[in-house]
Protein backbone atom coordinates (compact mmCIF):
# COMPACT_ATOMS: atom_id res chain seq x y z
CA MET A 1 106.81 254.68 16.15
CA VAL A 2 104.62 251.95 15.11
CA PHE A 3 108.46 250.03 14.88
CA ALA A 4 109.28 251.42 18.11
CA ILE A 5 105.87 249.80 20.13
CA PHE A 6 105.81 246.54 17.76
CA PHE A 7 109.33 245.86 18.45
CA ARG A 8 109.46 246.45 22.11
CA PHE A 9 105.98 244.75 22.91
CA TYR A 10 106.52 241.87 20.98
CA ASN A 11 107.47 239.18 23.12
CA TYR A 12 107.89 240.92 26.22
CA ASN A 13 106.20 238.99 28.43
CA GLU A 14 107.95 235.59 27.25
CA PHE A 15 111.15 235.34 28.47
CA SER A 16 112.35 234.51 31.92
CA LEU A 17 111.77 238.03 34.55
CA SER A 18 115.71 239.02 35.25
CA ASN A 19 117.41 238.97 38.86
CA ASP A 20 116.54 242.84 39.15
CA GLU A 21 112.89 242.29 38.22
CA LEU A 22 112.25 239.32 40.67
CA SER A 23 114.04 241.90 43.28
CA ALA A 24 111.69 244.02 42.57
CA VAL A 25 108.81 242.23 42.91
CA ILE A 26 109.69 240.64 46.23
CA ARG A 27 110.48 244.05 47.45
CA LEU A 28 106.87 244.65 47.09
CA ASN A 29 105.56 242.14 49.65
CA PHE A 30 104.60 244.05 52.19
CA ASN A 31 100.94 245.52 53.78
CA SER A 32 101.49 249.39 52.69
CA LEU A 33 103.16 252.26 50.97
CA SER A 34 105.08 252.83 53.94
CA GLU A 35 106.69 249.63 54.80
CA VAL A 36 107.43 249.19 50.55
CA ILE A 37 109.64 252.75 50.93
CA ASP A 38 111.28 251.76 54.36
CA ASN A 39 112.12 248.25 53.63
CA GLY A 40 111.84 248.01 49.52
CA ILE A 41 113.36 251.22 48.46
CA ARG A 42 115.82 252.05 51.28
CA PRO A 43 117.96 249.78 50.81
CA ASP A 44 118.00 249.05 47.45
CA GLY A 45 120.09 252.06 46.30
CA HIS A 46 117.54 252.78 42.83
CA PRO A 47 115.25 255.97 43.47
CA ALA A 48 111.83 255.18 44.54
CA GLY A 49 110.07 256.12 41.05
CA ALA A 50 110.28 252.48 39.45
CA GLU A 51 108.94 250.63 42.63
CA ILE A 52 106.10 253.00 43.22
CA LEU A 53 104.52 252.69 39.66
CA LEU A 54 105.26 248.91 40.09
CA TYR A 55 103.47 248.92 43.70
CA PHE A 56 100.34 251.00 42.05
CA TRP A 57 100.04 248.89 38.89
CA THR A 58 100.32 245.58 40.62
CA LYS A 59 98.09 246.60 43.19
CA TYR A 60 95.19 246.98 40.57
CA PHE A 61 96.39 244.73 37.89
CA GLY A 62 97.88 241.58 39.10
CA LEU A 63 101.35 240.02 39.25
CA THR A 64 101.92 238.58 36.32
CA VAL A 65 104.69 238.98 34.09
CA SER A 66 102.37 240.95 31.55
CA SER A 67 100.87 242.93 34.14
CA ILE A 68 104.56 243.39 35.77
CA ARG A 69 106.32 244.92 32.36
CA PHE A 70 103.33 246.53 30.46
CA PRO A 71 103.71 250.50 32.34
CA PHE A 72 107.41 250.08 31.51
CA VAL A 73 107.06 248.83 27.74
CA LEU A 74 104.35 251.65 27.58
CA ILE A 75 106.16 254.01 28.72
CA SER A 76 109.57 253.17 27.16
CA CYS A 77 107.97 253.40 23.57
CA PHE A 78 108.13 256.95 23.20
CA ALA A 79 111.80 257.43 23.52
CA PRO A 80 111.91 257.32 20.28
CA LEU A 81 109.36 260.25 19.61
CA PHE A 82 110.72 262.42 22.03
CA ALA A 83 114.48 261.95 20.54
CA PHE A 84 112.98 262.96 17.58
CA LEU A 85 111.32 266.06 18.83
CA PHE A 86 114.61 267.06 20.85
CA MET A 87 116.78 266.31 17.18
CA LYS A 88 114.60 267.83 14.72
CA ARG A 89 114.53 271.30 17.10
CA LEU A 90 117.97 271.13 17.19
CA PHE A 91 119.48 269.98 13.93
CA GLY A 92 116.69 269.23 11.78
CA TYR A 93 114.16 266.95 10.08
CA SER A 94 116.52 264.45 8.33
CA PRO A 95 118.94 264.06 11.58
CA ALA A 96 116.20 263.51 13.87
CA LEU A 97 114.59 260.42 11.88
CA PHE A 98 117.99 258.87 11.68
CA LEU A 99 118.09 258.94 15.90
CA ALA A 100 114.40 258.12 16.24
CA ALA A 101 115.25 255.27 14.23
CA ALA A 102 118.78 254.40 16.03
CA ILE A 103 116.32 254.33 19.12
CA ALA A 104 113.78 252.37 17.54
CA PHE A 105 115.83 249.49 16.21
CA LEU A 106 119.30 248.66 18.24
CA GLU A 107 118.67 246.22 20.79
CA PHE A 108 120.18 248.43 23.71
CA PRO A 109 117.11 250.36 24.23
CA ILE A 110 114.94 247.48 22.98
CA LEU A 111 116.10 245.20 25.50
CA TYR A 112 115.79 247.61 28.60
CA SER A 113 112.92 248.99 27.23
CA GLN A 114 110.60 244.94 27.82
CA ILE A 115 111.42 244.85 31.03
CA ALA A 116 110.36 245.99 34.29
CA ARG A 117 113.34 248.38 35.40
CA PRO A 118 114.42 251.96 35.65
CA TYR A 119 116.34 251.70 32.29
CA GLY A 120 113.51 252.13 29.78
CA ILE A 121 111.43 254.70 31.25
CA GLY A 122 114.02 256.75 32.40
CA LEU A 123 115.63 256.89 28.96
CA THR A 124 111.99 258.26 27.84
CA PHE A 125 112.35 261.22 31.04
CA VAL A 126 115.75 262.44 29.81
CA LEU A 127 115.04 262.69 26.66
CA MET A 128 111.16 264.43 26.98
CA ALA A 129 113.35 267.33 29.39
CA THR A 130 115.25 267.21 26.43
CA TYR A 131 112.95 268.08 24.16
CA PHE A 132 111.70 270.78 26.61
CA TRP A 133 114.65 272.12 27.14
CA ALA A 134 115.38 272.52 23.89
CA GLU A 135 111.74 274.16 23.01
CA LEU A 136 112.80 276.48 26.07
CA ILE A 137 115.94 277.40 24.74
CA PHE A 138 115.73 277.78 21.45
CA VAL A 139 112.19 278.79 20.18
CA ASN A 140 111.12 282.11 20.17
CA HIS A 141 107.54 282.08 22.35
CA ASN A 142 105.72 285.47 22.02
CA SER A 143 103.06 284.08 24.48
CA LYS A 144 103.48 283.90 27.87
CA SER A 145 101.35 281.17 28.70
CA LYS A 146 103.62 278.86 26.27
CA LYS A 147 106.25 279.67 28.44
CA ILE A 148 104.84 278.68 31.53
CA LEU A 149 103.35 275.22 29.86
CA LEU A 150 107.33 274.25 28.90
CA ALA A 151 108.89 275.47 32.17
CA PHE A 152 106.06 273.27 33.99
CA LEU A 153 106.97 270.63 31.39
CA LEU A 154 110.68 270.96 31.53
CA SER A 155 110.34 270.85 35.52
CA VAL A 156 108.00 267.79 36.27
CA SER A 157 110.01 265.73 33.26
CA TRP A 158 113.35 266.64 35.38
CA ALA A 159 112.02 265.72 38.34
CA LEU A 160 110.55 262.42 36.71
CA SER A 161 114.54 261.86 36.03
CA LEU A 162 114.99 262.29 39.71
CA TYR A 163 113.10 259.81 40.93
CA THR A 164 113.92 257.06 38.05
CA HIS A 165 117.51 256.82 38.52
CA TYR A 166 120.33 258.72 39.63
CA PHE A 167 122.10 258.41 36.75
CA ALA A 168 119.03 259.57 35.23
CA SER A 169 119.47 262.53 37.53
CA LEU A 170 123.26 262.96 37.03
CA THR A 171 122.35 263.41 33.21
CA VAL A 172 119.49 266.06 33.44
CA VAL A 173 121.51 267.97 35.93
CA ILE A 174 124.11 268.23 33.11
CA ILE A 175 121.64 269.44 30.84
CA GLY A 176 120.25 271.65 32.82
CA ILE A 177 123.69 273.29 33.56
CA THR A 178 124.42 273.52 29.99
CA GLY A 179 121.33 275.41 29.48
CA LEU A 180 122.44 278.46 31.76
CA PHE A 181 125.09 279.48 28.97
CA TYR A 182 122.18 279.65 26.50
CA LEU A 183 119.85 281.79 28.24
CA ASN A 184 118.13 285.32 27.83
CA LYS A 185 116.34 287.62 29.65
CA SER A 186 113.02 287.03 28.47
CA ILE A 187 113.39 283.12 29.33
CA ILE A 188 115.64 283.40 32.28
CA LYS A 189 113.24 283.33 35.06
CA TYR A 190 110.61 280.70 33.76
CA TYR A 191 114.33 278.18 33.24
CA LEU A 192 115.40 278.96 37.05
CA ALA A 193 111.49 278.49 38.06
CA SER A 194 111.46 275.10 36.08
CA GLY A 195 114.91 273.86 38.12
CA ILE A 196 113.17 275.06 41.39
CA GLY A 197 110.24 273.53 40.80
CA SER A 198 112.06 269.85 39.98
CA ILE A 199 113.89 270.55 42.83
CA ILE A 200 110.43 271.16 45.32
CA LEU A 201 109.23 268.13 43.57
CA PHE A 202 112.01 266.01 44.76
CA ILE A 203 112.96 267.02 47.92
CA PRO A 204 110.03 264.22 49.74
CA HIS A 205 112.55 261.86 48.31
CA LEU A 206 115.87 263.71 49.41
CA GLN A 207 115.71 261.37 52.75
CA ILE A 208 115.91 258.42 50.77
CA THR A 209 118.47 259.64 48.53
CA MET A 210 120.67 260.55 51.28
CA HIS A 211 120.60 257.14 53.08
CA GLN A 212 120.85 255.13 49.54
CA LEU A 213 124.62 257.51 48.30
CA SER A 214 124.91 256.24 52.68
CA LEU A 215 125.40 252.50 51.60
CA GLY A 216 127.82 253.10 48.38
CA GLY A 217 127.54 251.08 45.45
CA VAL A 218 127.31 247.36 44.15
CA GLY A 219 130.99 246.83 44.83
CA GLN A 220 130.15 243.56 46.42
CA TRP A 221 129.43 241.85 42.46
CA LEU A 222 130.76 244.80 40.14
CA GLY A 223 134.60 245.38 39.75
CA ALA A 224 136.04 248.57 38.59
CA PRO A 225 136.47 249.43 35.11
CA ASP A 226 139.53 249.29 32.95
CA ASN A 227 140.74 251.81 30.83
CA LEU A 228 139.44 250.60 27.91
CA TRP A 229 135.57 250.27 29.01
CA ILE A 230 134.50 253.54 27.09
CA TRP A 231 135.41 251.97 23.92
CA HIS A 232 133.30 248.55 24.81
CA HIS A 233 130.61 250.66 25.89
CA ILE A 234 130.31 252.40 22.66
CA ILE A 235 130.70 248.66 20.62
CA TYR A 236 128.03 247.76 23.05
CA ILE A 237 125.75 250.39 22.29
CA PHE A 238 125.92 249.37 18.01
CA ASN A 239 124.78 245.58 19.12
CA ASN A 240 128.12 244.58 20.21
CA SER A 241 129.26 244.95 16.95
CA ILE A 242 132.39 247.26 15.46
CA TYR A 243 131.25 246.39 11.80
CA LEU A 244 127.51 247.69 12.17
CA PHE A 245 129.83 251.05 13.63
CA ALA A 246 132.38 251.08 11.21
CA PHE A 247 129.37 250.75 8.68
CA LEU A 248 127.78 253.57 9.93
CA ILE A 249 130.68 256.10 10.79
CA ALA A 250 131.29 255.41 6.71
CA ILE A 251 127.85 255.66 5.85
CA ILE A 252 127.40 259.42 7.77
CA SER A 253 131.10 260.45 6.63
CA ALA A 254 130.60 259.77 2.98
CA ILE A 255 126.92 262.27 3.73
CA TYR A 256 128.70 264.56 5.32
CA ILE A 257 131.52 264.84 2.77
CA LEU A 258 129.10 264.71 -0.49
CA ASN A 259 127.03 267.54 0.76
CA PHE A 260 129.83 269.76 2.55
CA LYS A 261 132.61 269.29 0.33
CA ILE A 262 135.14 268.15 3.10
CA LYS A 263 134.87 271.77 5.13
CA PHE A 264 134.23 269.84 8.34
CA ARG A 265 131.96 272.12 10.73
CA PHE A 266 131.75 271.49 14.66
CA SER A 267 129.21 274.02 16.11
CA SER A 268 128.70 274.73 19.66
CA LEU A 269 125.63 272.15 19.89
CA GLN A 270 127.29 269.24 18.45
CA PHE A 271 130.04 269.76 21.58
CA VAL A 272 127.24 269.81 23.96
CA LEU A 273 126.21 266.63 22.59
CA LEU A 274 129.41 264.42 23.43
CA THR A 275 129.55 266.48 26.52
CA TRP A 276 126.73 265.39 27.61
CA PHE A 277 127.51 261.71 26.72
CA LEU A 278 131.38 261.80 28.32
CA LEU A 279 130.36 263.72 31.18
CA PRO A 280 128.51 260.86 33.03
CA PHE A 281 130.45 258.41 31.67
CA LEU A 282 133.93 259.95 33.20
CA ILE A 283 132.08 260.91 36.75
CA GLY A 284 130.87 257.00 36.84
CA PHE A 285 134.46 255.98 35.48
CA LEU A 286 136.55 257.83 38.37
CA TYR A 287 133.50 257.40 40.97
CA SER A 288 134.19 253.48 39.80
CA LYS A 289 137.89 253.08 39.95
CA PHE A 290 138.35 255.38 43.62
CA ILE A 291 135.14 254.84 45.79
CA ASN A 292 133.13 252.43 44.83
CA PRO A 293 132.14 250.25 41.61
CA VAL A 294 128.65 251.34 40.19
CA LEU A 295 129.77 252.16 36.36
CA GLN A 296 127.73 249.41 33.65
CA ASN A 297 126.14 249.97 30.18
CA SER A 298 122.63 249.82 31.28
CA VAL A 299 123.65 252.91 33.81
CA LEU A 300 124.34 254.88 30.51
CA ILE A 301 121.66 254.03 28.61
CA PHE A 302 120.13 258.07 29.72
CA SER A 303 123.42 259.78 28.04
CA MET A 304 123.48 256.93 25.12
CA PRO A 305 121.35 258.96 22.79
CA PHE A 306 123.45 261.87 22.98
CA PHE A 307 126.64 260.15 21.49
CA LEU A 308 124.02 258.70 18.65
CA ALA A 309 123.17 262.41 18.07
CA PHE A 310 126.05 263.90 18.22
CA ILE A 311 127.02 261.38 14.72
CA PHE A 312 123.60 262.17 13.41
CA SER A 313 124.29 265.81 13.43
CA PHE A 314 126.62 266.12 11.06
CA ILE A 315 123.49 264.58 8.44
CA PRO A 316 122.61 267.76 6.69
CA LYS A 317 118.86 269.40 7.29
CA ASN A 318 117.16 268.58 4.37
CA PHE A 319 115.70 265.32 3.58
CA SER A 320 116.93 264.85 -0.21
CA THR A 321 116.29 261.65 -2.14
CA SER A 322 119.93 260.54 -1.39
CA ASN A 323 119.35 261.16 2.17
CA SER A 324 116.32 259.31 1.45
CA VAL A 325 117.80 255.98 0.36
CA VAL A 326 120.78 256.20 2.72
CA PHE A 327 117.95 256.19 5.61
CA ILE A 328 116.73 252.87 3.82
CA LEU A 329 120.35 251.26 3.77
CA LEU A 330 121.50 252.14 7.49
CA PHE A 331 118.22 251.09 8.76
CA THR A 332 117.70 247.83 7.03
CA THR A 333 120.92 246.79 8.15
CA ILE A 334 120.74 247.86 11.75
CA SER A 335 117.06 245.86 12.31
CA ALA A 336 118.74 243.08 9.92
CA ASP A 337 121.83 242.87 12.32
CA THR A 338 119.49 243.18 15.66
CA PHE A 339 117.04 240.74 14.52
CA LEU A 340 118.66 238.24 12.44
CA PHE A 341 122.27 238.46 12.83
CA GLU A 342 122.39 239.18 16.42
CA LYS A 343 119.01 236.72 16.95
CA TYR A 344 117.71 239.64 19.64
CA TYR A 345 114.64 237.39 20.52
CA GLN A 346 116.21 234.28 20.87
CA LYS A 347 119.03 235.24 22.90
CA GLN A 348 119.67 234.90 26.61
CA HIS A 349 119.67 238.35 27.78
CA PHE A 350 119.31 237.60 31.66
CA ALA A 351 118.85 234.55 34.08
CA GLU A 352 116.48 231.89 33.29
CA PHE A 353 114.41 231.49 35.99
CA LYS A 354 111.32 230.39 34.66
CA ALA A 355 112.56 227.36 32.12
CA ILE A 356 115.15 226.03 35.07
CA THR A 357 112.13 226.52 37.58
CA GLU A 358 109.46 224.13 35.28
CA ILE A 359 112.72 222.00 35.04
CA LEU A 360 112.72 221.23 38.90
CA ASN A 361 109.20 221.08 38.83
CA ASP A 362 109.36 217.90 36.43
CA TRP A 363 112.31 216.47 37.95
CA GLN A 364 109.93 216.62 41.52
CA ASN A 365 107.07 214.91 39.78
CA LYS A 366 109.55 212.64 37.64
CA PHE A 367 111.14 211.39 40.63
CA LYS A 368 108.45 210.66 43.32
CA ASN A 369 109.74 207.41 45.22
CA GLN A 370 113.39 208.81 44.95
CA LYS A 371 114.86 211.66 47.05
CA ILE A 372 116.35 214.81 44.78
CA LEU A 373 118.14 217.60 46.79
CA ASN A 374 117.84 220.63 45.38
CA LEU A 375 120.80 223.21 45.48
CA ALA A 376 120.70 226.71 44.21
CA ASN A 377 123.53 230.03 43.57
CA VAL A 378 121.23 232.23 43.69
CA ASN A 379 120.95 235.90 45.41
CA THR A 380 117.52 234.30 47.17
CA LEU A 381 115.53 231.27 46.88
CA GLU A 382 112.40 233.93 46.80
CA TYR A 383 113.03 234.49 43.19
CA PHE A 384 111.87 230.73 42.57
CA LYS A 385 108.69 231.27 44.46
CA PHE A 386 106.89 233.93 41.45
CA TYR A 387 107.37 230.96 38.94
CA GLU A 388 106.28 228.53 41.62
CA LYS A 389 103.62 229.77 41.74
CA SER A 390 103.21 229.29 38.18
CA PHE A 391 103.56 225.53 38.53
CA GLY A 392 101.38 224.69 41.46
CA LYS A 393 104.41 223.40 43.64
CA GLU A 394 106.83 224.37 45.73
CA ILE A 395 110.33 223.36 45.44
CA ASN A 396 112.34 222.58 48.40
CA PHE A 397 115.93 223.84 48.94
CA SER A 398 118.99 223.00 50.58
CA GLY A 399 121.36 225.68 50.07
CA SER A 400 121.31 229.43 48.51
CA SER A 401 125.21 230.16 47.74
CA TYR A 402 128.22 228.99 47.14
CA LYS A 403 130.95 231.35 46.35
CA SER A 404 133.15 231.96 49.38
CA ASN A 405 135.18 229.30 51.58
CA ALA A 406 132.27 228.76 54.43
CA ASP A 407 129.91 228.33 51.64
CA LEU A 408 131.93 225.28 50.44
CA TRP A 409 132.03 223.74 53.30
CA LYS A 410 128.73 224.10 54.17
CA LEU A 411 128.10 222.17 50.87
CA LYS A 412 130.65 219.08 52.02
CA SER A 413 128.50 218.68 55.15
CA ILE A 414 125.25 218.71 52.91
CA LEU A 415 126.77 216.09 50.71
CA ASP A 416 128.38 213.97 53.29
CA THR A 417 124.76 213.43 55.39
CA THR A 418 122.21 213.92 52.77
CA THR A 419 120.93 210.27 51.56
CA ALA A 420 119.61 211.50 48.60
CA ASP A 421 119.83 209.72 45.13
CA TYR A 422 120.26 212.74 43.33
CA ILE A 423 121.26 216.14 43.23
CA SER A 424 119.92 218.81 41.31
CA PHE A 425 122.26 222.50 41.28
CA SER A 426 120.74 225.25 39.83
CA ASP A 427 123.21 228.33 39.29
CA LEU A 428 121.53 231.94 38.53
CA GLN A 429 124.56 233.80 38.52
CA ASN A 430 127.06 232.12 36.77
CA ASN A 431 129.89 233.35 39.98
CA SER A 432 129.65 230.06 42.26
CA SER A 433 132.85 229.25 43.01
CA SER A 434 134.86 226.73 40.58
CA MET A 435 135.17 223.88 43.04
CA THR A 436 131.42 223.63 43.43
CA LEU A 437 130.87 221.44 40.77
CA SER A 438 133.92 219.38 41.90
CA ILE A 439 132.85 219.04 45.23
CA ILE A 440 129.58 217.51 44.02
CA GLU A 441 131.00 215.41 41.33
CA SER A 442 133.08 213.48 43.80
CA LYS A 443 130.01 212.30 46.06
CA PHE A 444 127.47 212.49 42.55
CA PRO A 445 129.96 211.51 39.92
CA ASP A 446 127.51 211.07 37.29
CA ILE A 447 126.05 213.88 35.29
CA ILE A 448 122.84 212.81 33.23
CA TYR A 449 121.18 216.22 32.98
CA GLU A 450 122.62 219.21 31.89
CA LYS A 451 121.65 222.62 30.26
CA HIS A 452 123.58 226.13 30.17
CA PHE A 453 121.15 229.46 29.36
CA ALA A 454 124.08 230.92 27.03
CA ASP A 455 126.80 231.96 30.02
CA ILE A 456 124.30 233.60 32.44
CA SER A 457 122.74 230.27 34.42
CA SER A 458 123.03 226.79 34.08
CA ILE A 459 121.05 223.37 35.80
CA TYR A 460 123.00 220.33 36.63
CA LEU A 461 121.21 216.94 37.63
CA PHE A 462 123.95 214.47 38.95
CA ASN A 463 123.21 210.62 40.31
CA ARG A 464 124.72 208.93 43.35
CA HIS A 465 125.63 205.95 41.26
CA SER A 466 129.01 205.91 40.09
CA ILE A 467 129.86 206.35 36.36
CA LYS A 468 129.83 203.19 33.89
CA ASN A 469 133.33 201.73 33.99
CA ASP A 470 132.89 200.73 29.63
CA SER A 471 131.91 204.72 29.04
CA ILE A 472 135.45 205.80 30.49
CA ASN A 473 139.01 204.56 29.56
CA PHE A 474 141.64 204.53 32.23
CA ILE A 475 144.54 204.98 30.57
CA ASN A 476 147.36 204.64 32.63
CA ASN A 477 146.61 201.35 34.58
CA ASN A 478 147.01 202.52 37.87
CA SER A 479 150.79 203.99 37.15
CA LEU A 480 150.21 206.07 40.00
CA ASN A 481 150.38 203.67 43.03
CA ILE A 482 151.74 204.37 46.08
CA ASN A 483 151.04 201.71 49.03
CA GLU A 484 153.83 203.03 51.63
CA ASN A 485 153.53 205.44 54.39
CA ILE A 486 154.04 209.09 53.51
CA TYR A 487 155.68 211.29 56.64
CA SER A 488 156.98 214.56 54.87
CA ASN A 489 156.51 218.41 54.78
CA ASP A 490 158.03 218.12 50.82
CA GLU A 491 155.77 220.13 48.40
CA TYR A 492 155.27 217.90 45.60
CA TYR A 493 154.51 214.24 46.16
CA CYS A 494 153.43 211.28 43.53
CA PRO A 495 154.63 213.17 40.07
CA SER A 496 153.16 211.05 36.74
CA LYS A 497 153.50 212.40 33.48
CA ILE A 498 151.17 210.59 30.55
CA LYS A 499 150.83 210.62 27.02
CA LEU A 500 147.23 211.43 26.37
CA PRO A 501 145.91 209.72 22.88
CA LYS A 502 144.39 210.75 20.39
CA PHE A 503 140.63 211.04 20.41
CA SER A 504 137.37 211.55 18.10
CA LYS A 505 135.61 214.34 19.48
CA LYS A 506 136.09 218.16 19.58
CA THR A 507 136.18 217.92 23.61
CA LEU A 508 137.42 215.56 25.84
CA GLU A 509 136.54 214.82 29.90
CA ILE A 510 139.22 214.02 31.87
CA TYR A 511 138.33 211.87 34.95
CA CYS A 512 140.67 210.96 38.35
CA ARG A 513 139.35 208.48 40.41
CA TYR A 514 141.17 208.08 43.62
CA ASN A 515 141.91 206.51 46.89
CA PHE A 516 143.47 208.51 49.44
CA GLU A 517 143.65 207.50 53.13
CA SER A 518 145.28 209.98 56.01
CA SER A 519 145.20 209.83 59.99
CA ALA A 520 146.28 213.37 59.64
CA ASP A 521 144.56 217.06 58.62
CA THR A 522 145.15 217.26 54.61
CA SER A 523 143.86 220.85 54.31
CA ALA A 524 146.91 222.03 52.84
CA CYS A 525 146.97 219.24 49.78
CA HIS A 526 145.30 219.35 46.38
CA LEU A 527 145.44 217.07 44.09
CA VAL A 528 146.65 218.92 40.46
CA VAL A 529 145.46 218.04 36.96
CA ASP A 530 148.68 219.69 34.45
CA ILE A 531 147.51 219.52 30.70
CA GLN A 532 151.20 220.09 29.10
CA ASP A 533 151.78 220.39 25.10
CA VAL A 534 155.07 218.23 23.83
CA ASN A 535 157.18 221.16 24.56
CA GLY A 536 156.21 220.84 28.36
CA ASN A 537 154.79 223.85 28.40
CA SER A 538 151.17 224.01 30.73
CA LYS A 539 148.24 224.91 28.33
CA LEU A 540 145.81 224.06 31.14
CA TRP A 541 146.03 223.77 35.01
CA GLN A 542 143.07 222.75 38.00
CA SER A 543 143.51 221.81 41.48
CA LEU A 544 141.25 220.56 43.60
CA PRO A 545 141.78 220.80 47.55
CA LEU A 546 140.96 217.35 48.99
CA LYS A 547 139.53 219.26 52.28
CA TYR A 548 136.58 220.16 50.43
CA ILE A 549 136.15 216.42 49.36
CA SER A 550 137.60 214.29 52.24
CA SER A 551 138.33 214.90 55.96
CA LYS A 552 140.46 213.88 58.60
CA ASN A 553 140.84 210.31 58.98
CA ILE A 554 140.01 209.15 55.86
CA LYS A 555 140.06 205.47 55.21
CA ASN A 556 139.21 203.80 51.86
CA GLU A 557 137.66 206.92 50.27
CA ALA A 558 137.62 206.18 46.23
CA LEU A 559 135.98 209.41 44.61
CA PHE A 560 135.21 210.41 41.46
CA HIS A 561 135.90 214.06 39.73
CA LYS A 562 135.83 215.26 36.45
CA PHE A 563 138.57 217.69 36.18
CA ILE A 564 138.29 219.58 32.78
CA GLU A 565 137.39 219.63 29.28
CA MET A 566 140.23 219.68 26.95
CA LYS A 567 139.83 220.72 22.98
CA MET A 568 143.81 219.65 22.45
CA ASN A 569 145.12 216.51 21.06
CA HIS A 570 148.63 214.80 21.39
CA ASN A 571 149.21 216.78 24.62
CA TRP A 572 150.33 214.86 27.88
CA VAL A 573 148.56 215.10 31.28
CA LYS A 574 150.63 215.61 34.72
CA ILE A 575 148.80 215.00 38.03
CA TYR A 576 150.47 215.16 41.97
CA ILE A 577 149.35 215.89 45.11
CA TRP A 578 150.72 219.42 45.97
CA ASN A 579 150.90 220.26 49.60
CA SER A 580 151.20 224.12 48.68
CA LYS A 581 151.93 225.46 52.53
CA LYS A 582 154.70 222.32 53.05
CA GLU A 583 152.71 221.21 56.34
CA PHE A 584 153.67 217.91 57.79
CA ILE A 585 151.18 215.18 56.01
CA LYS A 586 151.24 212.04 57.22
CA ALA A 587 149.01 209.48 54.78
CA GLN A 588 149.41 206.24 53.45
CA LYS A 589 147.93 204.29 50.15
CA ILE A 590 147.63 206.93 47.03
CA ASN A 591 145.95 204.98 43.99
CA ILE A 592 145.53 207.77 41.28
CA PHE A 593 143.53 206.70 37.73
CA ILE A 594 143.45 209.03 34.50
CA GLY A 595 140.64 208.20 33.09
CA LEU A 596 139.13 210.10 29.28
CA LYS A 597 135.74 210.26 28.05
CA ASP A 598 135.10 211.51 24.69
CA ARG A 599 131.71 214.24 24.69
């Protein structure tokens, strides 16, 4: 418990609030609890428990990061304890100690215990329900009052799970049904009463649940799982390390063989543990495949302990000296992997709103006499307001989404009309269109600042002024130069192939500077860069639709565009205009230059 508490509270208020946490905070911005339920909970898709906890807690303790996360972290600290208690009741002291330590040290349960979301607290509630379930069914209590107390605690634990997350609900429903096969006459009425009691406690939420189920899943951004998803999830449980998983399996197998002389035993309770892990996955997998995608690692945190419990159930009950040595070895390895090799506390786990807001605030102070236009790709600009208050200055944005064609047209319009000297672009979702940076660079070609927070979020600062000529080596000497009219519906124009020279650094940026004059609509045209190997095989291919950077009736529009980053030597670059729909176009004067820049 000491380690579990330390690992969960350490640094819990230092890293940025995530998208989901900021969404929960924004949904508190109503005048009453009933308004929070109607406008913040009903449209969300999660049960009301976590949001109501957050509502009352922040009402009395404030809206700081520490305050927002504290009750969630505190409740989550009890997950290893309840894991130990239920495992000890079913399989003995030694397997219980292994299970509790795994939940205390692995990255998956630690991460979701440190944020103000339903996953960590839901894990605690499910394990609490499992412990009272095992205590009521498998222990022969002669005291009627003890049975009543256990039934009451089981009922409350089930209800808390129901109010926390629908996958937690699914998990405890499966556990509840399983219990029916182990009942005897002395406890059947207490067990059934606990189930009925949890349903009664959940009745006030049923109307909200029915509304949320009608909304479907999160298919707008979450894709359907592939057939190997369960394998990837198992590896994710073990810090995304197949080596850690293999090491654990090898150690447990060695203990089993040494103690049981290879006499393999598989009890009904071990089968139950495996079922509790697999059934929520299977239901979520089929629902995601055929109805609406909902399956992601976080929603299976509630069933994750049962896979670990299944593995550790093969350890002998009695804690021998050899077991203690293995225990120290195994969990020294897990903790080393989590905190030293995986660098858990240095890793970027979620989108970085805190640092990006601070950077934007610094730029506003730095460029006081020059205009800076802020663009962002984020669910809602309201997410920035939480950290804006910390830095004391509001940041004005001109756009917040760049995914669809309509978004890109809007971006082009903004760039065509702005008088700003600088443009900042903050990508907090990393799912903006691949054309977004290309379109910005066509008007603001010089990137003077660029920072990436893992592969989760990024921030850029662009300068309107052209890139200095001495920083780019133009290698083709204007070899793609056509000063004659084009009246055609051909598919390809001006194909040219240029040998790339050797370069000194690992990555190379390819720039394209071109003039394209047209007196007709060129919406079907793309500028294509195709990087090929010595045999002419395409290795990297990228196209830039001219419609996003050029307008109808263009005249002498000179543009810069950084196409691609290369990591290869001795290759060719092929560049051409691609008229993808073979529509008739009328164009004059195409000048294309290929420029290289070491990075």
